[in-house]
Protein backbone atom coordinates (compact mmCIF):
# COMPACT_ATOMS: atom_id res chain seq x y z
CA UNK A 1 74.97 100.66 169.37
CA UNK A 2 75.44 103.70 167.14
CA UNK A 3 75.01 107.19 168.55
CA UNK A 4 72.07 109.03 166.96
CA UNK A 5 72.37 112.29 168.90
CA UNK A 6 75.51 114.09 169.98
CA UNK A 7 76.69 117.29 171.61
CA UNK A 8 79.95 119.15 171.19
CA UNK A 9 81.79 120.66 174.15
CA UNK A 10 84.45 123.18 173.08
CA UNK A 11 86.86 124.07 175.87
CA UNK A 12 89.15 127.08 175.90
CA UNK A 13 89.50 130.70 176.90
CA UNK A 14 91.01 131.43 173.49
CA UNK A 15 87.71 130.69 171.76
CA UNK A 16 85.64 132.80 174.16
CA UNK A 17 88.05 135.74 173.91
CA UNK A 18 87.99 135.76 170.10
CA UNK A 19 91.66 134.90 169.87
CA UNK A 20 90.91 131.63 168.03
CA UNK A 21 88.24 131.05 165.40
CA UNK A 22 86.49 127.81 166.33
CA UNK A 23 86.59 125.23 163.53
CA UNK A 24 86.17 121.85 165.18
CA UNK A 25 82.45 122.08 165.92
CA UNK A 26 81.83 123.13 162.30
CA UNK A 27 83.71 120.08 161.04
CA UNK A 28 81.91 117.81 163.50
CA UNK A 29 78.53 119.11 162.38
CA UNK A 30 79.34 118.32 158.75
CA UNK A 31 80.75 114.86 159.43
CA UNK A 32 77.96 113.81 161.80
CA UNK A 33 75.29 115.08 159.38
CA UNK A 34 76.78 112.92 156.63
CA UNK A 35 76.79 109.94 158.99
CA UNK A 36 73.20 110.38 160.11
CA UNK A 37 73.88 111.56 163.66
CA UNK A 38 72.18 114.76 164.78
CA UNK A 39 74.51 117.27 166.41
CA UNK A 40 71.96 118.70 168.78
CA UNK A 41 74.00 121.19 170.80
CA UNK A 42 77.35 123.01 170.82
CA UNK A 43 78.55 124.40 174.15
CA UNK A 44 81.66 126.54 174.67
CA UNK A 45 83.15 126.85 178.14
CA UNK A 46 86.29 128.44 179.60
CA UNK A 47 89.28 126.63 181.10
CA UNK A 48 87.49 126.38 184.44
CA UNK A 49 86.94 122.96 186.00
CA UNK A 50 83.54 123.75 187.50
CA UNK A 51 82.23 124.95 184.13
CA UNK A 52 83.62 121.92 182.28
CA UNK A 53 82.29 119.40 184.81
CA UNK A 54 78.79 120.85 185.13
CA UNK A 55 78.32 121.31 181.38
CA UNK A 56 79.73 117.88 180.53
CA UNK A 57 77.52 116.12 183.07
CA UNK A 58 74.45 117.80 181.61
CA UNK A 59 75.36 117.00 178.02
CA UNK A 60 76.33 113.36 178.59
CA UNK A 61 73.05 112.67 180.35
CA UNK A 62 71.02 114.43 177.67
CA UNK A 63 72.55 113.03 174.46
CA UNK A 64 73.88 109.71 173.21
CA UNK A 65 77.45 111.00 173.04
CA UNK A 66 79.59 114.06 173.72
CA UNK A 67 82.68 115.08 171.76
CA UNK A 68 85.03 117.47 173.53
CA UNK A 69 87.60 119.68 171.85
CA UNK A 70 90.62 121.32 173.45
CA UNK A 71 92.53 121.43 176.68
CA UNK A 72 94.57 118.21 176.53
CA UNK A 73 98.01 119.73 175.90
CA UNK A 74 101.04 120.18 178.18
CA UNK A 75 100.37 123.57 179.80
CA UNK A 76 98.76 124.61 183.07
CA UNK A 77 95.49 125.64 181.40
CA UNK A 78 95.04 122.24 179.75
CA UNK A 79 92.66 120.84 182.35
CA UNK A 80 90.22 118.83 180.25
CA UNK A 81 91.48 115.41 181.36
CA UNK A 82 91.43 116.51 185.02
CA UNK A 83 87.91 117.90 184.67
CA UNK A 84 86.48 114.87 182.90
CA UNK A 85 87.99 112.57 185.50
CA UNK A 86 86.27 114.71 188.13
CA UNK A 87 82.97 114.54 186.22
CA UNK A 88 83.13 110.73 186.22
CA UNK A 89 84.50 110.66 189.79
CA UNK A 90 87.53 108.58 188.82
CA UNK A 91 91.24 109.06 189.19
CA UNK A 92 93.64 110.47 186.61
CA UNK A 93 96.42 108.05 185.65
CA UNK A 94 99.48 108.03 183.44
CA UNK A 95 98.62 105.55 180.71
CA UNK A 96 101.44 103.07 180.18
CA UNK A 97 100.99 102.97 176.40
CA UNK A 98 101.29 106.76 176.09
CA UNK A 99 104.29 106.83 178.41
CA UNK A 100 105.99 104.13 176.36
CA UNK A 101 105.19 105.74 173.01
CA UNK A 102 106.36 109.19 174.09
CA UNK A 103 109.49 107.85 175.75
CA UNK A 104 110.41 105.94 172.59
CA UNK A 105 109.85 109.07 170.52
CA UNK A 106 111.42 111.73 172.76
CA UNK A 107 113.84 109.60 174.80
CA UNK A 108 114.06 109.50 178.59
CA UNK A 109 115.67 112.92 178.72
CA UNK A 110 112.88 114.37 176.59
CA UNK A 111 110.12 113.32 178.95
CA UNK A 112 109.73 116.67 180.66
CA UNK A 113 106.88 117.71 182.96
CA UNK A 114 104.69 118.98 180.13
CA UNK A 115 104.94 115.73 178.18
CA UNK A 116 104.22 113.69 181.31
CA UNK A 117 101.00 115.69 181.67
CA UNK A 118 99.96 114.54 178.23
CA UNK A 119 100.20 110.86 179.25
CA UNK A 120 97.33 111.24 181.74
CA UNK A 121 93.80 109.99 181.08
CA UNK A 122 90.81 109.29 183.32
CA UNK A 123 91.04 105.86 184.90
CA UNK A 124 89.16 103.30 182.82
CA UNK A 125 89.34 105.33 179.61
CA UNK A 126 90.26 103.79 176.27
CA UNK A 127 92.61 105.58 173.89
CA UNK A 128 91.72 107.35 170.64
CA UNK A 129 94.73 107.13 168.34
CA UNK A 130 95.31 108.91 165.05
CA UNK A 131 98.01 109.55 162.48
CA UNK A 132 98.69 113.18 163.44
CA UNK A 133 100.08 112.78 166.96
CA UNK A 134 101.55 110.20 169.30
CA UNK A 135 99.55 111.70 172.18
CA UNK A 136 96.10 110.11 171.82
CA UNK A 137 92.71 111.32 172.88
CA UNK A 138 90.52 109.17 175.10
CA UNK A 139 87.03 107.83 175.53
CA UNK A 140 85.26 107.24 178.82
CA UNK A 141 81.61 106.28 178.89
CA UNK A 142 79.87 108.20 176.12
CA UNK A 143 82.44 111.02 176.12
CA UNK A 144 85.10 111.33 173.42
CA UNK A 145 88.01 113.57 174.45
CA UNK A 146 89.77 115.06 171.42
CA UNK A 147 92.48 117.66 170.86
CA UNK A 148 91.84 121.30 170.06
CA UNK A 149 94.41 121.70 167.26
CA UNK A 150 92.25 121.43 164.11
CA UNK A 151 94.34 118.98 162.07
CA UNK A 152 94.79 116.67 165.07
CA UNK A 153 91.10 116.98 165.97
CA UNK A 154 90.12 116.11 162.40
CA UNK A 155 92.32 113.00 162.42
CA UNK A 156 90.97 111.86 165.79
CA UNK A 157 87.39 112.54 164.69
CA UNK A 158 87.87 110.35 161.62
CA UNK A 159 88.95 107.48 163.86
CA UNK A 160 85.71 107.55 165.90
CA UNK A 161 83.08 108.30 163.24
CA UNK A 162 82.05 104.66 162.86
CA UNK A 163 80.47 104.95 166.32
CA UNK A 164 77.98 107.55 165.04
CA UNK A 165 74.82 107.43 162.94
CA UNK A 166 73.45 104.93 160.46
CA UNK A 167 71.24 106.47 157.77
CA UNK A 168 72.89 109.63 156.37
CA UNK A 169 71.01 112.90 156.30
CA UNK A 170 70.47 114.46 152.88
CA UNK A 171 70.02 118.16 152.18
CA UNK A 172 68.33 120.08 149.36
CA UNK A 173 68.56 123.85 148.91
CA UNK A 174 66.24 126.17 146.98
CA UNK A 175 67.36 129.67 145.96
CA UNK A 176 64.79 132.32 146.83
CA UNK A 177 64.60 135.95 145.66
CA UNK A 178 61.72 136.95 147.92
CA UNK A 179 61.45 138.46 151.40
CA UNK A 180 60.85 135.80 154.03
CA UNK A 181 57.69 137.57 155.21
CA UNK A 182 55.94 136.57 151.97
CA UNK A 183 56.33 132.83 152.46
CA UNK A 184 56.83 132.42 156.24
CA UNK A 185 53.24 131.29 156.93
CA UNK A 186 53.21 128.83 154.05
CA UNK A 187 56.58 127.39 155.01
CA UNK A 188 55.26 126.77 158.51
CA UNK A 189 52.38 124.76 157.06
CA UNK A 190 54.78 122.66 154.97
CA UNK A 191 56.89 121.98 158.04
CA UNK A 192 53.80 120.70 159.86
CA UNK A 193 52.99 118.42 156.91
CA UNK A 194 56.52 116.98 156.82
CA UNK A 195 57.54 116.43 160.42
CA UNK A 196 60.34 114.07 159.34
CA UNK A 197 61.95 116.82 157.24
CA UNK A 198 63.78 119.75 158.78
CA UNK A 199 62.77 122.95 156.97
CA UNK A 200 64.75 126.17 157.41
CA UNK A 201 64.89 129.57 155.74
CA UNK A 202 68.17 131.46 155.65
CA UNK A 203 68.26 134.99 154.19
CA UNK A 204 71.40 136.07 152.42
CA UNK A 205 70.42 139.67 151.75
CA UNK A 206 67.49 141.75 152.99
CA UNK A 207 66.08 145.04 151.78
CA UNK A 208 64.88 145.97 148.28
CA UNK A 209 66.75 143.13 146.54
CA UNK A 210 66.31 140.12 148.87
CA UNK A 211 67.82 136.71 148.37
CA UNK A 212 68.33 133.58 150.42
CA UNK A 213 67.85 129.84 150.55
CA UNK A 214 65.24 127.45 151.85
CA UNK A 215 67.01 124.33 153.10
CA UNK A 216 65.43 120.94 153.66
CA UNK A 217 67.10 117.93 155.23
CA UNK A 218 65.95 114.43 156.11
CA UNK A 219 67.01 110.81 156.39
CA UNK A 220 64.05 109.85 154.20
CA UNK A 221 64.84 110.64 150.53
CA UNK A 222 61.27 110.21 149.32
CA UNK A 223 59.81 112.54 151.92
CA UNK A 224 62.60 115.01 151.24
CA UNK A 225 61.69 115.07 147.54
CA UNK A 226 58.00 115.50 148.34
CA UNK A 227 58.74 118.38 150.71
CA UNK A 228 60.84 120.11 148.07
CA UNK A 229 58.04 119.75 145.54
CA UNK A 230 55.66 121.37 148.02
CA UNK A 231 58.05 124.27 148.57
CA UNK A 232 58.56 124.71 144.83
CA UNK A 233 54.82 124.76 144.23
CA UNK A 234 54.29 127.24 147.04
CA UNK A 235 56.93 129.61 145.67
CA UNK A 236 55.35 129.53 142.21
CA UNK A 237 52.13 130.97 143.66
CA UNK A 238 54.07 133.96 145.00
CA UNK A 239 55.78 135.01 141.78
């Protein structure tokens, strides 16, 4: 069964401290939108097991699937695998395929403590392989555990996207050179009329020379077109 709703769990002190600009949730939102899966929530937590476990357990019970990003590397603060195993109340094991692949690549002498850490996955998890790394991500239940490095994350995400969505969302945008206060009430009425279309207003500049966009998105192309026509007609009455 395809996932129709998803949440993103970003893990890492570096994101919360402003050291790293988060890119993986942005990419996920775009890819899932195009697939027809609604990304309903993005949560960012520190490298703290209690925070990861409690947030993950809430998200995985609330949405069809959860995609995690970060914390599966070789260092002491990479605790995502440990935390997800704790959330599912299973053990953490060295996966024989990862051990074999990394040993073949690095040699027996190259299998240091950090690389051994990267062979561990929650017991019962399946592997998520990609072209960018020999250290795979993993899936357990409805949780997809992906890397934090953007190019590796992107490659792993591509490999799981067939599990998500069915009918793609489509988006239309209308340029507006009016203050939102002039059309807010009318836009609310249109939203009520088209409950299968998401209607949003996003100002680009306020003040004496306002501009912005009204954005509409839906999985129903006909209703999307009708909603746009209603917005266009409404804006004409305000000029």
